[in-house]
Amino acid sequence: MENKDKNSRDQKLLAYLRGEMTEGEEQRLGEEVIRDEEYAQRLERLLLGEEQGTGSDNVSSKEIPAPLTEERQRAIIRRGKWRMRLSNSAFTMGLAFFAGVLLFVVNGWFGSLMHDDLFRVAKDMVNFTQPGVSVGSSGSEVGLFYGKIRMELRERVGREDKNAGSFESTNFLWKTSAKPEWTNGVREQKLFFNYPITGQKLTQADSEHLRTPAWATMEKLPEGTVSQLAISFDHFLSYEEYYALISRHASSDAYETVWFAVDSGQEQARTGADEGVRLLGAGDVWGFAERELSYGNAPIQVNGEGPRRAAAYLSEMKFLSEQERLTNEIGFSLVSRSKPQIAERYQYMQKNGVRIYGAVLTGPTKELLKLQQEKSITAAFLGKVDWWNWDHPAASGTHYSW
């Protein structure tokens, strides 16, 4: 039985050498040769004329083909070369496909991990360094080899958030760069803060110089307007002390505090860098917007729970200090003169607490004007002004052209 099978296989080889096989039969023979190394060697020996079937192989001499012509041999060799090329090409393409899938998975997996940290750092750095500015909607391309996050920047004036531009951060492998793109390419600097230097109290004349222009402009503005206002105090306040002080002059429904300026330990060096200059603006001042912090799943009391808000703020500062490389790369375009000094600021606030010395408020212009009666306010700067939008309409919406 075994000899019969062997004879049948030899007959196939001889038929192949004679060119008597159909294309389908040649394909099936090729598959057999690939699976059976001994069978492949037998074919090779017949092709090269090293073997002429023997009696022991039960192949008669009549069945042995005549020696192949040179042209026939070349044709067989060419066919073998092309089959080898196709086989190698298929292997190479399969390997390239596998490598591509692997790179796609690695790029997406590592990219998603980097995206979360990149987004959080970028959002925090905008929140902590740009008075009155917050992050709105965003879009992203996730990837280890290349990734991009684009965030909308907004400024709150009255009850409405106005577009202030965008903030774009990109990464190529582990190298990150970022920059803000302000509306029309320019951001007007109108919100400044006076840092209360210990032992150096402002004179009455200096304080009037920093307060009077804002109050005078607000007196001239009509009743039906809303405004931004940055104010500074002559001493540090806790969260509760701040709201207690403001409530002496305005009811809680007549204004909204959108940003706090806090003592981070770096302000003294910055105000001392220029003779007589004590004002800090975007890029120099440090703070936070309370509505941009995460307080977990539990709701938080409006204008209350100061310790919990401070803890949420310090938690984000700790995260930034742990992401020092990302923070430095993203903060480069937001913080002027030097690196953000996150670790130093975090350690300082851990030791001294979160101490407020200024704030950005928005609301009806005439309500904010009542704050001019507060003697502890050393500086006031008027920001953007808009027509009345303090009352929410019953319905509203937006239509886009795309």
Protein backbone atom coordinates (compact mmCIF):
# COMPACT_ATOMS: atom_id res chain seq x y z
CA MET A 1 0.00 0.00 0.00
CA GLU A 2 2.88 2.26 0.91
CA ASN A 3 4.66 1.49 -2.38
CA LYS A 4 1.45 2.22 -4.29
CA ASP A 5 1.17 5.68 -2.69
CA LYS A 6 4.80 6.35 -3.45
CA ASN A 7 4.28 5.27 -7.07
CA SER A 8 1.30 7.65 -7.33
CA ARG A 9 3.36 10.56 -6.01
CA ASP A 10 6.23 9.72 -8.39
CA GLN A 11 3.74 9.69 -11.27
CA LYS A 12 2.72 13.21 -10.29
CA LEU A 13 6.34 14.35 -10.39
CA LEU A 14 6.86 12.78 -13.81
CA ALA A 15 3.66 14.34 -15.11
CA TYR A 16 4.88 17.71 -13.83
CA LEU A 17 8.26 17.27 -15.56
CA ARG A 18 6.53 16.38 -18.82
CA GLY A 19 4.33 19.49 -18.51
CA GLU A 20 1.17 17.39 -18.54
CA MET A 21 -0.42 18.95 -15.44
CA THR A 22 -3.15 21.52 -15.42
CA GLU A 23 -2.67 24.76 -13.47
CA GLY A 24 -4.82 23.47 -10.60
CA GLU A 25 -2.88 20.18 -10.42
CA GLU A 26 0.41 22.09 -10.37
CA GLN A 27 -0.88 24.26 -7.48
CA ARG A 28 -1.88 21.16 -5.46
CA LEU A 29 1.50 19.55 -6.18
CA GLY A 30 3.22 22.71 -5.00
CA GLU A 31 1.30 22.54 -1.70
CA GLU A 32 2.39 18.90 -1.25
CA VAL A 33 6.02 19.81 -1.95
CA ILE A 34 5.87 22.63 0.63
CA ARG A 35 4.48 20.27 3.29
CA ASP A 36 6.91 17.35 2.58
CA GLU A 37 10.60 18.23 2.56
CA GLU A 38 11.62 14.74 1.33
CA TYR A 39 9.18 15.01 -1.57
CA ALA A 40 10.65 18.44 -2.41
CA GLN A 41 14.18 17.03 -2.43
CA ARG A 42 13.02 14.17 -4.74
CA LEU A 43 11.65 16.73 -7.22
CA GLU A 44 14.86 18.73 -7.04
CA ARG A 45 17.00 15.66 -7.78
CA LEU A 46 14.82 14.77 -10.79
CA LEU A 47 15.05 18.33 -12.09
CA LEU A 48 18.82 18.34 -11.80
CA GLY A 49 19.11 14.85 -13.37
CA GLU A 50 20.73 13.41 -10.25
CA GLU A 51 18.12 10.63 -10.08
CA GLN A 52 16.61 8.47 -12.82
CA GLY A 53 13.80 6.39 -11.25
CA THR A 54 14.79 2.80 -10.25
CA GLY A 55 13.09 -0.56 -9.99
CA SER A 56 13.00 -0.26 -6.29
CA ASP A 57 10.95 2.81 -6.85
CA ASN A 58 8.65 0.80 -9.14
CA VAL A 59 9.12 3.34 -11.87
CA SER A 60 9.93 1.85 -15.28
CA SER A 61 12.63 3.28 -17.48
CA LYS A 62 9.97 4.04 -20.10
CA GLU A 63 8.35 6.48 -17.68
CA ILE A 64 11.52 8.41 -17.16
CA PRO A 65 11.36 11.54 -19.24
CA ALA A 66 13.95 12.45 -21.75
CA PRO A 67 16.58 14.92 -20.56
CA LEU A 68 15.09 18.42 -20.36
CA THR A 69 16.11 20.90 -23.01
CA GLU A 70 18.04 23.98 -21.90
CA GLU A 71 15.04 26.18 -22.67
CA ARG A 72 12.78 23.97 -20.57
CA GLN A 73 15.25 24.04 -17.68
CA ARG A 74 15.44 27.83 -17.85
CA ALA A 75 11.65 28.05 -17.87
CA ILE A 76 11.44 25.86 -14.76
CA ILE A 77 14.12 27.94 -13.03
CA ARG A 78 12.32 31.19 -13.92
CA ARG A 79 9.05 29.78 -12.61
CA GLY A 80 10.79 28.76 -9.38
CA LYS A 81 12.35 32.19 -8.99
CA TRP A 82 9.03 33.95 -9.45
CA ARG A 83 7.32 31.61 -6.98
CA MET A 84 10.09 32.36 -4.49
CA ARG A 85 9.73 36.09 -5.10
CA LEU A 86 5.99 35.95 -4.62
CA SER A 87 6.43 33.87 -1.49
CA ASN A 88 8.98 36.35 -0.10
CA SER A 89 6.76 39.30 -1.05
CA ALA A 90 3.78 37.74 0.72
CA PHE A 91 5.92 37.16 3.80
CA THR A 92 7.29 40.70 3.70
CA MET A 93 3.81 42.18 3.25
CA GLY A 94 2.47 40.04 6.08
CA LEU A 95 5.33 41.14 8.32
CA ALA A 96 4.79 44.79 7.38
CA PHE A 97 1.05 44.45 8.06
CA PHE A 98 1.72 42.90 11.47
CA ALA A 99 4.25 45.62 12.30
CA GLY A 100 1.75 48.27 11.21
CA VAL A 101 -1.00 46.84 13.41
CA LEU A 102 1.42 46.63 16.35
CA LEU A 103 2.55 50.22 15.88
CA PHE A 104 -1.08 51.36 15.57
CA VAL A 105 -1.97 49.67 18.87
CA VAL A 106 1.14 50.98 20.66
CA ASN A 107 0.61 54.48 19.27
CA GLY A 108 -3.04 54.54 20.37
CA TRP A 109 -2.44 53.01 23.80
CA PHE A 110 0.50 55.18 24.82
CA GLY A 111 -1.08 58.16 23.09
CA SER A 112 -4.26 57.85 25.15
CA LEU A 113 -2.22 57.70 28.35
CA MET A 114 -0.27 60.82 27.35
CA HIS A 115 -3.46 62.59 26.22
CA ASP A 116 -5.06 62.43 29.67
CA ASP A 117 -2.02 63.96 31.38
CA LEU A 118 -1.45 66.49 28.59
CA PHE A 119 -5.08 67.67 28.65
CA ARG A 120 -5.14 67.99 32.44
CA VAL A 121 -1.84 69.88 32.62
CA ALA A 122 -2.83 72.25 29.81
CA LYS A 123 -6.21 72.98 31.39
CA ASP A 124 -4.67 73.59 34.82
CA MET A 125 -1.95 75.88 33.47
CA VAL A 126 -4.51 78.03 31.65
CA ASN A 127 -6.68 78.12 34.77
CA PHE A 128 -3.82 79.02 37.14
CA THR A 129 -2.01 81.65 35.03
CA GLN A 130 -4.67 83.52 33.03
CA PRO A 131 -7.01 85.69 35.13
CA GLY A 132 -10.64 85.38 34.05
CA VAL A 133 -9.89 82.82 31.29
CA SER A 134 -11.20 79.26 31.32
CA VAL A 135 -11.13 76.26 28.98
CA GLY A 136 -14.22 75.47 26.94
CA SER A 137 -14.77 72.75 24.34
CA SER A 138 -11.82 70.81 22.96
CA GLY A 139 -10.79 68.46 20.16
CA SER A 140 -7.82 66.10 20.00
CA GLU A 141 -5.74 63.71 17.92
CA VAL A 142 -4.37 60.96 20.14
CA GLY A 143 -0.98 59.39 19.44
CA LEU A 144 2.45 58.64 20.86
CA PHE A 145 4.27 59.61 17.67
CA TYR A 146 2.09 62.66 17.11
CA GLY A 147 -0.80 64.06 19.11
CA LYS A 148 -2.61 67.38 19.28
CA ILE A 149 -5.13 68.96 21.66
CA ARG A 150 -6.95 72.16 20.80
CA MET A 151 -8.96 73.90 23.52
CA GLU A 152 -11.32 76.83 23.23
CA LEU A 153 -10.50 79.72 25.59
CA ARG A 154 -13.34 81.73 27.12
CA GLU A 155 -13.79 84.85 29.22
CA ARG A 156 -16.89 85.35 31.31
CA VAL A 157 -18.49 88.78 31.02
CA GLY A 158 -21.75 88.98 32.91
CA ARG A 159 -23.65 85.72 32.38
CA GLU A 160 -22.04 84.91 29.02
CA ASP A 161 -18.75 83.25 28.10
CA LYS A 162 -17.00 85.12 25.30
CA ASN A 163 -14.51 83.46 22.98
CA ALA A 164 -10.97 84.56 23.80
CA GLY A 165 -9.08 82.34 21.36
CA SER A 166 -7.69 78.84 21.64
CA PHE A 167 -4.85 76.94 23.24
CA GLU A 168 -3.09 74.24 21.25
CA SER A 169 -0.62 71.67 22.57
CA THR A 170 1.17 69.11 20.41
CA ASN A 171 3.43 66.18 21.19
CA PHE A 172 5.93 64.32 19.04
CA LEU A 173 6.96 61.24 21.03
CA TRP A 174 7.71 62.72 24.47
CA LYS A 175 8.48 66.24 23.29
CA THR A 176 5.62 68.66 23.93
CA SER A 177 5.02 72.25 22.83
CA ALA A 178 2.06 74.55 23.39
CA LYS A 179 0.92 78.08 22.67
CA PRO A 180 -2.21 80.22 22.98
CA GLU A 181 -3.81 81.76 19.90
CA TRP A 182 -5.76 84.80 21.02
CA THR A 183 -8.67 86.19 19.03
CA ASN A 184 -7.30 88.39 16.21
CA GLY A 185 -3.81 87.45 17.40
CA VAL A 186 -3.89 89.83 20.38
CA ARG A 187 -4.98 89.67 23.99
CA GLU A 188 -5.60 92.97 25.70
CA GLN A 189 -4.09 93.07 29.17
CA LYS A 190 -6.56 94.89 31.39
CA LEU A 191 -6.68 92.83 34.57
CA PHE A 192 -3.84 93.52 37.01
CA PHE A 193 -3.28 92.86 40.72
CA ASN A 194 -1.35 94.64 43.43
CA TYR A 195 0.53 92.15 45.61
CA PRO A 196 0.54 93.18 49.32
CA ILE A 197 4.24 93.18 50.25
CA THR A 198 4.70 92.69 53.98
CA GLY A 199 5.92 95.86 55.70
CA GLN A 200 5.44 98.02 52.56
CA LYS A 201 2.04 99.65 52.71
CA LEU A 202 0.83 101.67 49.73
CA THR A 203 0.44 105.39 50.28
CA GLN A 204 -3.01 106.90 49.92
CA ALA A 205 -1.92 108.63 46.71
CA ASP A 206 -0.62 105.41 45.17
CA SER A 207 -3.79 103.54 46.08
CA GLU A 208 -5.99 106.27 44.60
CA HIS A 209 -3.92 106.14 41.42
CA LEU A 210 -4.62 102.39 41.10
CA ARG A 211 -8.32 102.65 41.98
CA THR A 212 -9.77 105.88 40.64
CA PRO A 213 -9.68 105.25 36.84
CA ALA A 214 -11.78 102.09 37.14
CA TRP A 215 -14.36 103.65 39.48
CA ALA A 216 -14.60 106.79 37.32
CA THR A 217 -15.17 104.77 34.13
CA MET A 218 -17.80 102.59 35.80
CA GLU A 219 -19.69 105.68 37.00
CA LYS A 220 -19.92 106.87 33.39
CA LEU A 221 -21.11 103.52 32.00
CA PRO A 222 -24.89 103.15 31.57
CA GLU A 223 -27.09 101.09 33.86
CA GLY A 224 -27.71 98.32 31.34
CA THR A 225 -24.15 97.00 31.15
CA VAL A 226 -22.12 94.20 32.71
CA SER A 227 -18.38 94.32 33.40
CA GLN A 228 -15.24 92.48 34.46
CA LEU A 229 -13.41 93.89 37.46
CA ALA A 230 -10.06 92.89 39.01
CA ILE A 231 -9.57 94.00 42.61
CA SER A 232 -6.68 93.67 45.07
CA PHE A 233 -6.60 93.83 48.86
CA ASP A 234 -4.05 95.22 51.31
CA HIS A 235 -3.87 91.92 53.21
CA PHE A 236 -4.29 88.19 52.67
CA LEU A 237 -7.72 86.58 53.06
CA SER A 238 -9.11 83.10 53.46
CA TYR A 239 -11.95 81.98 51.19
CA GLU A 240 -14.58 82.68 53.86
CA GLU A 241 -13.06 86.06 54.76
CA TYR A 242 -13.17 87.12 51.12
CA TYR A 243 -16.89 86.42 50.73
CA ALA A 244 -17.66 88.01 54.07
CA LEU A 245 -15.88 91.19 52.96
CA ILE A 246 -17.56 91.35 49.52
CA SER A 247 -21.02 90.65 50.98
CA ARG A 248 -20.81 93.91 52.93
CA HIS A 249 -21.30 95.78 49.66
CA ALA A 250 -23.05 93.46 47.17
CA SER A 251 -25.58 90.66 47.44
CA SER A 252 -24.49 87.20 46.27
CA ASP A 253 -26.82 87.27 43.26
CA ALA A 254 -25.40 90.59 42.02
CA TYR A 255 -21.89 89.35 41.10
CA GLU A 256 -19.85 86.24 40.35
CA THR A 257 -16.22 85.65 41.32
CA VAL A 258 -14.58 83.97 38.34
CA TRP A 259 -10.93 83.90 39.48
CA PHE A 260 -8.81 84.29 42.63
CA ALA A 261 -5.25 85.65 42.83
CA VAL A 262 -3.32 83.74 45.52
CA ASP A 263 0.02 84.06 47.28
CA SER A 264 2.30 81.36 45.85
CA GLY A 265 5.64 82.57 47.25
CA GLN A 266 7.01 83.75 43.88
CA GLU A 267 5.26 87.13 43.71
CA GLN A 268 7.75 88.91 46.00
CA ALA A 269 10.63 88.14 43.64
CA ARG A 270 8.66 89.28 40.62
CA THR A 271 7.47 92.57 42.12
CA GLY A 272 11.00 93.24 43.37
CA ALA A 273 12.48 92.66 39.93
CA ASP A 274 11.40 96.10 38.69
CA GLU A 275 11.85 99.26 40.72
CA GLY A 276 8.60 100.50 42.12
CA VAL A 277 6.45 98.06 40.15
CA ARG A 278 4.06 96.01 42.26
CA LEU A 279 1.43 95.06 39.67
CA LEU A 280 1.08 91.51 38.36
CA GLY A 281 -0.80 90.50 35.22
CA ALA A 282 -1.27 87.33 33.20
CA GLY A 283 2.00 85.39 33.15
CA ASP A 284 3.14 86.75 36.52
CA VAL A 285 0.10 86.40 38.76
CA TRP A 286 -0.94 82.96 40.05
CA GLY A 287 -4.40 81.77 41.09
CA PHE A 288 -7.39 79.62 40.20
CA ALA A 289 -11.02 79.60 39.06
CA GLU A 290 -13.05 77.72 41.65
CA ARG A 291 -15.58 76.40 39.13
CA GLU A 292 -12.73 74.76 37.12
CA LEU A 293 -11.60 72.55 40.03
CA SER A 294 -12.77 68.98 40.66
CA TYR A 295 -14.50 68.36 43.99
CA GLY A 296 -15.35 64.70 43.44
CA ASN A 297 -18.84 63.33 43.21
CA ALA A 298 -20.28 65.14 46.22
CA PRO A 299 -21.85 68.59 45.56
CA ILE A 300 -20.17 71.64 47.07
CA GLN A 301 -21.84 74.57 48.80
CA VAL A 302 -22.07 77.79 46.80
CA ASN A 303 -19.61 80.39 48.14
CA GLY A 304 -18.72 78.02 50.97
CA GLU A 305 -16.57 75.07 52.07
CA GLY A 306 -13.32 76.98 51.71
CA PRO A 307 -11.07 74.20 53.13
CA ARG A 308 -12.48 71.71 50.61
CA ARG A 309 -11.86 74.11 47.73
CA ALA A 310 -8.32 74.78 48.96
CA ALA A 311 -7.69 71.01 49.18
CA ALA A 312 -8.91 70.55 45.58
CA TYR A 313 -6.62 73.35 44.43
CA LEU A 314 -3.58 71.92 46.24
CA SER A 315 -4.36 68.49 44.80
CA GLU A 316 -4.03 69.93 41.29
CA MET A 317 -0.84 71.74 42.29
CA LYS A 318 0.59 68.44 43.52
CA PHE A 319 -0.33 66.79 40.22
CA LEU A 320 1.46 69.55 38.28
CA SER A 321 4.56 69.19 40.46
CA GLU A 322 4.61 65.47 39.65
CA GLN A 323 4.35 66.31 35.92
CA GLU A 324 7.24 68.78 36.00
CA ARG A 325 8.46 68.17 32.44
CA LEU A 326 4.99 68.60 30.91
CA THR A 327 4.24 71.59 33.14
CA ASN A 328 7.44 73.36 32.10
CA GLU A 329 6.91 72.68 28.39
CA ILE A 330 3.26 73.77 28.39
CA GLY A 331 3.75 76.62 30.83
CA PHE A 332 6.58 78.16 28.80
CA SER A 333 4.11 80.09 26.63
CA LEU A 334 1.87 81.09 29.56
CA VAL A 335 4.32 82.13 32.30
CA SER A 336 6.67 85.04 31.61
CA ARG A 337 10.32 85.44 32.51
CA SER A 338 10.96 81.97 33.90
CA LYS A 339 9.72 78.43 34.41
CA PRO A 340 6.45 78.02 36.36
CA GLN A 341 8.32 76.95 39.52
CA ILE A 342 5.50 74.56 40.34
CA ALA A 343 7.32 72.53 43.02
CA GLU A 344 8.34 75.70 44.90
CA ARG A 345 4.83 77.17 44.71
CA TYR A 346 3.25 73.91 45.88
CA GLN A 347 5.60 73.56 48.85
CA TYR A 348 5.02 77.20 49.82
CA MET A 349 1.20 76.86 49.77
CA GLN A 350 1.38 73.57 51.65
CA LYS A 351 3.21 75.40 54.42
CA ASN A 352 1.34 78.74 54.39
CA GLY A 353 -2.09 77.74 53.08
CA VAL A 354 -4.08 79.17 50.17
CA ARG A 355 -4.12 82.93 50.83
CA ILE A 356 -6.19 85.21 48.58
CA TYR A 357 -5.13 88.79 47.83
CA GLY A 358 -7.16 89.54 44.71
CA ALA A 359 -10.08 88.44 42.55
CA VAL A 360 -11.76 88.87 39.18
CA LEU A 361 -15.48 89.52 39.45
CA THR A 362 -18.18 90.02 36.84
CA GLY A 363 -21.72 91.33 37.12
CA PRO A 364 -23.89 94.41 36.61
CA THR A 365 -21.57 97.42 36.37
CA LYS A 366 -23.41 99.51 38.95
CA GLU A 367 -23.43 96.63 41.47
CA LEU A 368 -19.67 96.17 41.12
CA LEU A 369 -19.22 99.93 41.52
CA LYS A 370 -20.44 99.60 45.14
CA LEU A 371 -17.09 97.98 45.99
CA GLN A 372 -15.39 101.39 45.80
CA GLN A 373 -16.56 101.88 49.40
CA GLU A 374 -14.27 99.05 50.59
CA LYS A 375 -11.13 100.67 52.03
CA SER A 376 -9.03 97.48 51.95
CA ILE A 377 -9.14 97.41 48.13
CA THR A 378 -5.81 98.86 46.99
CA ALA A 379 -6.26 98.47 43.22
CA ALA A 380 -9.14 98.12 40.77
CA PHE A 381 -8.88 97.46 37.04
CA LEU A 382 -11.85 97.40 34.67
CA GLY A 383 -11.81 94.60 32.09
CA LYS A 384 -14.31 93.90 29.33
CA VAL A 385 -17.72 95.57 29.26
CA ASP A 386 -20.84 94.30 27.49
CA TRP A 387 -24.52 95.07 27.22
CA TRP A 388 -26.86 93.63 29.81
CA ASN A 389 -26.99 89.83 29.87
CA TRP A 390 -27.38 89.18 33.57
CA ASP A 391 -30.93 87.82 33.30
CA HIS A 392 -31.23 84.39 31.67
CA PRO A 393 -33.73 84.29 28.76
CA ALA A 394 -36.47 81.66 28.77
CA ALA A 395 -34.94 80.08 25.65
CA SER A 396 -31.84 80.58 23.54
CA GLY A 397 -29.68 78.72 21.04
CA THR A 398 -26.97 78.93 18.41
CA HIS A 399 -26.93 78.14 14.68
CA TYR A 400 -23.69 77.46 12.82
CA SER A 401 -23.08 77.74 9.09
CA TRP A 402 -21.45 74.30 8.78
